[in-house]
């Protein structure tokens, strides 16, 4: 509820829904998005937050990213929404990894470690969010 209440209503768009750095290729001339298996309609904030959290952007980088997307500096409501959605994105990634621990067996992939990494990142993101914005009812 806490993270949902922080969301600013934005238009629903067609989203990638898995913007990990590995799914963005740069051929030197342009960027290519690959791996659309989770694509669908969603708020743009999910992709914006997912890209930022998955790339490990700091607050300044996230601010610049949002400014580029919205073509203006984001207001406090957008920044709060973005920080909350980063938490939701990390939670989704951690849960995906937990399921992968049980059902996937890709050579060289340590899903247990990936789950732990995402849970640590989620805890840090939640701490950052709550420190900045508190828990709003």
N, C-alpha and C. Protein backbone atom coordinates (compact mmCIF):
# COMPACT_ATOMS: atom_id res chain seq x y z
N UNK A 1 0.82 -1.20 0.00
CA UNK A 1 0.00 0.00 0.00
C UNK A 1 0.86 1.26 0.00
N UNK A 2 1.89 1.25 0.81
CA UNK A 2 2.76 2.42 0.96
C UNK A 2 3.33 2.86 -0.39
N UNK A 3 3.83 1.91 -1.16
CA UNK A 3 4.44 2.25 -2.45
C UNK A 3 3.38 2.60 -3.48
N UNK A 4 2.23 1.95 -3.42
CA UNK A 4 1.14 2.27 -4.34
C UNK A 4 0.63 3.69 -4.12
N UNK A 5 0.48 4.08 -2.87
CA UNK A 5 -0.03 5.42 -2.57
C UNK A 5 0.91 6.52 -3.08
N UNK A 6 2.16 6.19 -3.26
CA UNK A 6 3.14 7.18 -3.71
C UNK A 6 3.08 7.41 -5.22
N UNK A 7 2.33 6.61 -5.93
CA UNK A 7 2.33 6.71 -7.39
C UNK A 7 1.50 7.88 -7.90
N UNK A 8 2.13 8.68 -8.74
CA UNK A 8 1.43 9.75 -9.44
C UNK A 8 0.78 9.10 -10.65
N UNK A 9 -0.46 9.47 -10.92
CA UNK A 9 -1.14 8.91 -12.07
C UNK A 9 -0.48 9.40 -13.35
N UNK A 10 -0.04 8.46 -14.14
CA UNK A 10 0.57 8.75 -15.44
C UNK A 10 -0.17 7.93 -16.48
N UNK A 11 -0.10 8.34 -17.74
CA UNK A 11 -0.76 7.55 -18.78
C UNK A 11 -0.19 6.13 -18.85
N UNK A 12 -1.04 5.21 -19.26
CA UNK A 12 -0.60 3.84 -19.50
C UNK A 12 0.05 3.81 -20.87
N UNK A 13 1.22 3.18 -20.95
CA UNK A 13 1.98 3.10 -22.20
C UNK A 13 2.39 1.65 -22.42
N UNK A 14 2.86 1.36 -23.62
CA UNK A 14 3.44 0.05 -23.88
C UNK A 14 4.84 0.06 -23.31
N UNK A 15 5.09 -0.83 -22.36
CA UNK A 15 6.38 -0.84 -21.67
C UNK A 15 7.16 -2.12 -21.91
N UNK A 16 8.44 -2.03 -21.75
CA UNK A 16 9.34 -3.17 -21.88
C UNK A 16 9.22 -4.07 -20.66
N UNK A 17 9.19 -3.47 -19.48
CA UNK A 17 9.00 -4.14 -18.19
C UNK A 17 10.15 -5.03 -17.74
N UNK A 18 11.31 -4.90 -18.38
CA UNK A 18 12.50 -5.66 -17.96
C UNK A 18 13.76 -4.92 -18.42
N UNK A 19 13.86 -3.65 -18.07
CA UNK A 19 14.96 -2.83 -18.56
C UNK A 19 16.23 -3.00 -17.72
N UNK A 20 16.80 -4.18 -17.84
CA UNK A 20 18.12 -4.46 -17.28
C UNK A 20 19.17 -3.94 -18.26
N UNK A 21 20.34 -3.54 -17.79
CA UNK A 21 21.38 -3.11 -18.72
C UNK A 21 21.68 -4.15 -19.81
N UNK A 22 21.57 -5.43 -19.49
CA UNK A 22 21.84 -6.48 -20.48
C UNK A 22 20.81 -6.49 -21.61
N UNK A 23 19.67 -5.85 -21.41
CA UNK A 23 18.63 -5.81 -22.43
C UNK A 23 18.67 -4.53 -23.26
N UNK A 24 19.73 -3.75 -23.08
CA UNK A 24 19.93 -2.53 -23.86
C UNK A 24 21.28 -2.66 -24.56
N UNK A 25 21.25 -2.77 -25.87
CA UNK A 25 22.48 -2.93 -26.65
C UNK A 25 22.82 -1.62 -27.35
N UNK A 26 24.09 -1.30 -27.41
CA UNK A 26 24.59 -0.10 -28.05
C UNK A 26 25.52 -0.52 -29.18
N UNK A 27 25.13 -0.24 -30.42
CA UNK A 27 25.97 -0.61 -31.56
C UNK A 27 26.91 0.53 -31.97
N UNK A 28 26.95 1.58 -31.15
CA UNK A 28 27.79 2.73 -31.46
C UNK A 28 27.05 3.82 -32.20
N UNK A 29 25.91 3.48 -32.78
CA UNK A 29 25.10 4.45 -33.51
C UNK A 29 23.75 4.68 -32.86
N UNK A 30 23.22 3.61 -32.28
CA UNK A 30 21.92 3.72 -31.62
C UNK A 30 21.78 2.64 -30.56
N UNK A 31 20.79 2.82 -29.71
CA UNK A 31 20.50 1.84 -28.67
C UNK A 31 19.39 0.91 -29.16
N UNK A 32 19.51 -0.36 -28.80
CA UNK A 32 18.52 -1.37 -29.17
C UNK A 32 17.99 -2.02 -27.90
N UNK A 33 16.70 -2.09 -27.78
CA UNK A 33 16.09 -2.83 -26.68
C UNK A 33 15.81 -4.24 -27.16
N UNK A 34 16.18 -5.22 -26.35
CA UNK A 34 15.93 -6.62 -26.70
C UNK A 34 15.16 -7.29 -25.56
N UNK A 35 14.73 -8.50 -25.78
CA UNK A 35 14.11 -9.34 -24.76
C UNK A 35 12.78 -8.75 -24.28
N UNK A 36 11.79 -8.81 -25.13
CA UNK A 36 10.48 -8.23 -24.84
C UNK A 36 9.49 -9.23 -24.25
N UNK A 37 9.97 -10.31 -23.64
CA UNK A 37 9.05 -11.33 -23.14
C UNK A 37 8.12 -10.84 -22.04
N UNK A 38 8.48 -9.78 -21.32
CA UNK A 38 7.62 -9.25 -20.26
C UNK A 38 6.90 -7.97 -20.68
N UNK A 39 7.02 -7.58 -21.94
CA UNK A 39 6.43 -6.33 -22.41
C UNK A 39 4.91 -6.35 -22.30
N UNK A 40 4.36 -5.18 -22.11
CA UNK A 40 2.91 -5.03 -22.04
C UNK A 40 2.57 -3.62 -21.60
N UNK A 41 1.31 -3.39 -21.34
CA UNK A 41 0.86 -2.06 -20.96
C UNK A 41 1.07 -1.84 -19.47
N UNK A 42 1.58 -0.66 -19.15
CA UNK A 42 1.95 -0.34 -17.78
C UNK A 42 2.13 1.17 -17.68
N UNK A 43 2.28 1.66 -16.49
CA UNK A 43 2.67 3.06 -16.33
C UNK A 43 4.14 3.20 -16.74
N UNK A 44 4.46 4.29 -17.37
CA UNK A 44 5.85 4.52 -17.79
C UNK A 44 6.80 4.51 -16.60
N UNK A 45 6.28 4.83 -15.42
CA UNK A 45 7.14 4.89 -14.24
C UNK A 45 7.79 3.55 -13.94
N UNK A 46 7.13 2.44 -14.30
CA UNK A 46 7.74 1.14 -14.02
C UNK A 46 9.04 0.98 -14.81
N UNK A 47 9.03 1.32 -16.10
CA UNK A 47 10.25 1.22 -16.89
C UNK A 47 11.28 2.26 -16.45
N UNK A 48 10.84 3.47 -16.14
CA UNK A 48 11.78 4.51 -15.69
C UNK A 48 12.47 4.08 -14.40
N UNK A 49 11.70 3.56 -13.47
CA UNK A 49 12.27 3.14 -12.19
C UNK A 49 13.09 1.87 -12.34
N UNK A 50 12.61 0.94 -13.16
CA UNK A 50 13.35 -0.30 -13.38
C UNK A 50 14.70 -0.04 -14.03
N UNK A 51 14.71 0.83 -15.03
CA UNK A 51 15.98 1.16 -15.69
C UNK A 51 16.95 1.80 -14.69
N UNK A 52 16.44 2.71 -13.88
CA UNK A 52 17.30 3.40 -12.91
C UNK A 52 17.82 2.44 -11.84
N UNK A 53 16.94 1.62 -11.28
CA UNK A 53 17.39 0.73 -10.21
C UNK A 53 18.29 -0.37 -10.75
N UNK A 54 17.95 -0.92 -11.91
CA UNK A 54 18.76 -2.01 -12.48
C UNK A 54 20.13 -1.53 -12.95
N UNK A 55 20.23 -0.26 -13.31
CA UNK A 55 21.52 0.29 -13.72
C UNK A 55 22.30 0.87 -12.54
N UNK A 56 21.69 0.84 -11.35
CA UNK A 56 22.36 1.37 -10.17
C UNK A 56 22.54 2.87 -10.19
N UNK A 57 21.59 3.58 -10.81
CA UNK A 57 21.70 5.04 -10.86
C UNK A 57 21.58 5.63 -9.46
N UNK A 58 22.39 6.66 -9.20
CA UNK A 58 22.26 7.39 -7.94
C UNK A 58 21.17 8.45 -8.10
N UNK A 59 20.91 9.23 -7.06
CA UNK A 59 19.83 10.22 -7.11
C UNK A 59 20.03 11.25 -8.21
N UNK A 60 21.26 11.73 -8.39
CA UNK A 60 21.53 12.72 -9.43
C UNK A 60 21.31 12.14 -10.82
N UNK A 61 21.76 10.92 -11.03
CA UNK A 61 21.56 10.27 -12.33
C UNK A 61 20.08 10.01 -12.59
N UNK A 62 19.36 9.58 -11.57
CA UNK A 62 17.92 9.37 -11.71
C UNK A 62 17.20 10.67 -12.04
N UNK A 63 17.61 11.76 -11.38
CA UNK A 63 17.02 13.07 -11.64
C UNK A 63 17.25 13.47 -13.10
N UNK A 64 18.47 13.28 -13.59
CA UNK A 64 18.78 13.61 -14.99
C UNK A 64 17.99 12.72 -15.94
N UNK A 65 17.85 11.46 -15.61
CA UNK A 65 17.09 10.51 -16.43
C UNK A 65 15.62 10.93 -16.52
N UNK A 66 15.02 11.27 -15.38
CA UNK A 66 13.63 11.73 -15.37
C UNK A 66 13.47 13.05 -16.11
N UNK A 67 14.44 13.95 -15.94
CA UNK A 67 14.40 15.23 -16.65
C UNK A 67 14.42 15.01 -18.16
N UNK A 68 15.26 14.09 -18.62
CA UNK A 68 15.32 13.79 -20.05
C UNK A 68 14.00 13.20 -20.54
N UNK A 69 13.42 12.29 -19.77
CA UNK A 69 12.17 11.64 -20.19
C UNK A 69 11.01 12.64 -20.24
N UNK A 70 10.85 13.43 -19.19
CA UNK A 70 9.71 14.35 -19.12
C UNK A 70 10.00 15.68 -19.82
N UNK A 71 11.24 15.88 -20.25
CA UNK A 71 11.69 17.11 -20.92
C UNK A 71 11.51 18.34 -20.04
N UNK A 72 11.57 18.13 -18.74
CA UNK A 72 11.57 19.20 -17.75
C UNK A 72 11.95 18.57 -16.42
N UNK A 73 12.36 19.40 -15.49
CA UNK A 73 12.74 18.87 -14.18
C UNK A 73 11.52 18.26 -13.50
N UNK A 74 11.67 17.06 -12.97
CA UNK A 74 10.53 16.42 -12.31
C UNK A 74 10.20 17.10 -10.97
N UNK A 75 8.91 17.22 -10.70
CA UNK A 75 8.50 17.80 -9.42
C UNK A 75 8.66 16.76 -8.30
N UNK A 76 8.41 17.19 -7.09
CA UNK A 76 8.58 16.31 -5.93
C UNK A 76 7.70 15.08 -5.99
N UNK A 77 6.50 15.22 -6.54
CA UNK A 77 5.58 14.08 -6.63
C UNK A 77 6.13 13.01 -7.58
N UNK A 78 6.70 13.45 -8.69
CA UNK A 78 7.30 12.50 -9.65
C UNK A 78 8.52 11.84 -9.03
N UNK A 79 9.36 12.61 -8.34
CA UNK A 79 10.56 12.03 -7.72
C UNK A 79 10.18 11.01 -6.66
N UNK A 80 9.15 11.31 -5.88
CA UNK A 80 8.68 10.36 -4.85
C UNK A 80 8.12 9.11 -5.51
N UNK A 81 7.32 9.29 -6.54
CA UNK A 81 6.74 8.16 -7.27
C UNK A 81 7.84 7.27 -7.84
N UNK A 82 8.87 7.90 -8.39
CA UNK A 82 10.00 7.18 -8.98
C UNK A 82 10.76 6.38 -7.92
N UNK A 83 11.01 7.00 -6.78
CA UNK A 83 11.72 6.30 -5.69
C UNK A 83 10.91 5.11 -5.19
N UNK A 84 9.59 5.29 -5.07
CA UNK A 84 8.73 4.18 -4.62
C UNK A 84 8.70 3.07 -5.65
N UNK A 85 8.62 3.43 -6.92
CA UNK A 85 8.57 2.41 -7.97
C UNK A 85 9.90 1.68 -8.10
N UNK A 86 11.01 2.33 -7.78
CA UNK A 86 12.29 1.62 -7.76
C UNK A 86 12.24 0.49 -6.75
N UNK A 87 11.62 0.75 -5.61
CA UNK A 87 11.45 -0.32 -4.60
C UNK A 87 10.61 -1.45 -5.17
N UNK A 88 9.51 -1.10 -5.82
CA UNK A 88 8.64 -2.13 -6.40
C UNK A 88 9.37 -2.92 -7.48
N UNK A 89 10.18 -2.25 -8.27
CA UNK A 89 10.94 -2.92 -9.32
C UNK A 89 11.94 -3.91 -8.72
N UNK A 90 12.61 -3.50 -7.66
CA UNK A 90 13.57 -4.40 -7.00
C UNK A 90 12.86 -5.57 -6.34
N UNK A 91 11.68 -5.34 -5.79
CA UNK A 91 10.90 -6.43 -5.22
C UNK A 91 10.51 -7.44 -6.30
N UNK A 92 10.07 -6.94 -7.45
CA UNK A 92 9.72 -7.83 -8.56
C UNK A 92 10.92 -8.64 -9.01
N UNK A 93 12.07 -8.00 -9.10
CA UNK A 93 13.28 -8.71 -9.54
C UNK A 93 13.69 -9.77 -8.53
N UNK A 94 13.57 -9.44 -7.24
CA UNK A 94 13.90 -10.42 -6.19
C UNK A 94 12.94 -11.61 -6.24
N UNK A 95 11.66 -11.33 -6.44
CA UNK A 95 10.68 -12.43 -6.50
C UNK A 95 10.91 -13.28 -7.75
N UNK A 96 11.24 -12.64 -8.88
CA UNK A 96 11.55 -13.40 -10.10
C UNK A 96 12.73 -14.33 -9.83
N UNK A 97 13.73 -13.82 -9.15
CA UNK A 97 14.91 -14.62 -8.85
C UNK A 97 14.59 -15.77 -7.90
N UNK A 98 13.71 -15.53 -6.94
CA UNK A 98 13.31 -16.61 -6.02
C UNK A 98 12.63 -17.75 -6.77
N UNK A 99 11.77 -17.40 -7.71
CA UNK A 99 11.11 -18.42 -8.53
C UNK A 99 12.15 -19.12 -9.40
N UNK A 100 13.09 -18.35 -9.93
CA UNK A 100 14.14 -18.92 -10.78
C UNK A 100 15.01 -19.91 -10.01
N UNK A 101 15.22 -19.66 -8.72
CA UNK A 101 15.98 -20.61 -7.89
C UNK A 101 15.34 -21.99 -7.94
N UNK A 102 14.03 -22.02 -7.99
CA UNK A 102 13.29 -23.29 -7.96
C UNK A 102 13.15 -23.95 -9.33
N UNK A 103 13.04 -23.15 -10.39
CA UNK A 103 12.64 -23.71 -11.68
C UNK A 103 13.64 -23.54 -12.82
N UNK A 104 14.65 -22.72 -12.66
CA UNK A 104 15.62 -22.52 -13.74
C UNK A 104 16.98 -23.08 -13.33
N UNK A 105 17.69 -23.55 -14.32
CA UNK A 105 19.03 -24.09 -14.07
C UNK A 105 19.94 -23.69 -15.22
N UNK A 106 20.21 -22.38 -15.30
CA UNK A 106 21.08 -21.88 -16.36
C UNK A 106 22.53 -22.01 -15.91
N UNK A 107 23.38 -22.57 -16.76
CA UNK A 107 24.79 -22.73 -16.39
C UNK A 107 25.43 -21.37 -16.06
N UNK A 108 26.15 -21.34 -14.96
CA UNK A 108 26.88 -20.13 -14.58
C UNK A 108 26.05 -19.07 -13.88
N UNK A 109 24.77 -19.32 -13.66
CA UNK A 109 23.91 -18.33 -13.00
C UNK A 109 23.62 -18.79 -11.58
N UNK A 110 23.92 -17.95 -10.63
CA UNK A 110 23.67 -18.25 -9.22
C UNK A 110 22.44 -17.46 -8.79
N UNK A 111 21.27 -18.08 -8.93
CA UNK A 111 20.03 -17.39 -8.60
C UNK A 111 19.91 -17.07 -7.12
N UNK A 112 20.48 -17.90 -6.26
CA UNK A 112 20.45 -17.62 -4.82
C UNK A 112 21.20 -16.31 -4.54
N UNK A 113 22.37 -16.16 -5.13
CA UNK A 113 23.15 -14.93 -4.94
C UNK A 113 22.43 -13.73 -5.55
N UNK A 114 21.79 -13.94 -6.71
CA UNK A 114 21.06 -12.85 -7.37
C UNK A 114 19.88 -12.41 -6.51
N UNK A 115 19.19 -13.37 -5.91
CA UNK A 115 18.10 -13.04 -4.99
C UNK A 115 18.62 -12.22 -3.83
N UNK A 116 19.70 -12.67 -3.23
CA UNK A 116 20.28 -11.96 -2.08
C UNK A 116 20.69 -10.55 -2.47
N UNK A 117 21.32 -10.41 -3.63
CA UNK A 117 21.73 -9.09 -4.11
C UNK A 117 20.53 -8.17 -4.23
N UNK A 118 19.45 -8.67 -4.81
CA UNK A 118 18.26 -7.84 -4.99
C UNK A 118 17.56 -7.52 -3.68
N UNK A 119 17.57 -8.45 -2.74
CA UNK A 119 16.97 -8.17 -1.43
C UNK A 119 17.77 -7.11 -0.67
N UNK A 120 19.10 -7.16 -0.78
CA UNK A 120 19.94 -6.14 -0.16
C UNK A 120 19.67 -4.78 -0.81
N UNK A 121 19.59 -4.76 -2.14
CA UNK A 121 19.31 -3.51 -2.85
C UNK A 121 17.91 -2.99 -2.51
N UNK A 122 16.94 -3.91 -2.37
CA UNK A 122 15.59 -3.51 -1.98
C UNK A 122 15.59 -2.88 -0.60
N UNK A 123 16.26 -3.50 0.36
CA UNK A 123 16.34 -2.93 1.71
C UNK A 123 16.94 -1.52 1.67
N UNK A 124 17.99 -1.34 0.89
CA UNK A 124 18.62 -0.02 0.78
C UNK A 124 17.68 0.99 0.13
N UNK A 125 16.97 0.57 -0.92
CA UNK A 125 16.03 1.46 -1.60
C UNK A 125 14.87 1.85 -0.69
N UNK A 126 14.36 0.89 0.07
CA UNK A 126 13.28 1.19 1.02
C UNK A 126 13.75 2.15 2.10
N UNK A 127 14.95 1.92 2.61
CA UNK A 127 15.52 2.81 3.62
C UNK A 127 15.67 4.22 3.06
N UNK A 128 16.19 4.33 1.84
CA UNK A 128 16.35 5.62 1.17
C UNK A 128 15.00 6.29 0.98
N UNK A 129 14.02 5.53 0.51
CA UNK A 129 12.68 6.07 0.27
C UNK A 129 12.06 6.58 1.58
N UNK A 130 12.11 5.76 2.61
CA UNK A 130 11.49 6.13 3.88
C UNK A 130 12.23 7.28 4.56
N UNK A 131 13.53 7.35 4.38
CA UNK A 131 14.30 8.47 4.93
C UNK A 131 13.90 9.78 4.26
N UNK A 132 13.74 9.74 2.95
CA UNK A 132 13.40 10.96 2.20
C UNK A 132 11.94 11.35 2.32
N UNK A 133 11.06 10.35 2.27
CA UNK A 133 9.64 10.65 2.13
C UNK A 133 8.78 10.19 3.30
N UNK A 134 9.34 9.40 4.19
CA UNK A 134 8.55 8.89 5.30
C UNK A 134 7.47 7.94 4.80
N UNK A 135 6.68 7.47 5.72
CA UNK A 135 5.56 6.60 5.35
C UNK A 135 4.33 7.48 5.33
N UNK A 136 3.73 7.61 4.17
CA UNK A 136 2.59 8.51 4.00
C UNK A 136 1.31 7.70 3.92
N UNK A 137 0.33 8.03 4.73
CA UNK A 137 -0.96 7.32 4.72
C UNK A 137 -1.88 7.92 3.70
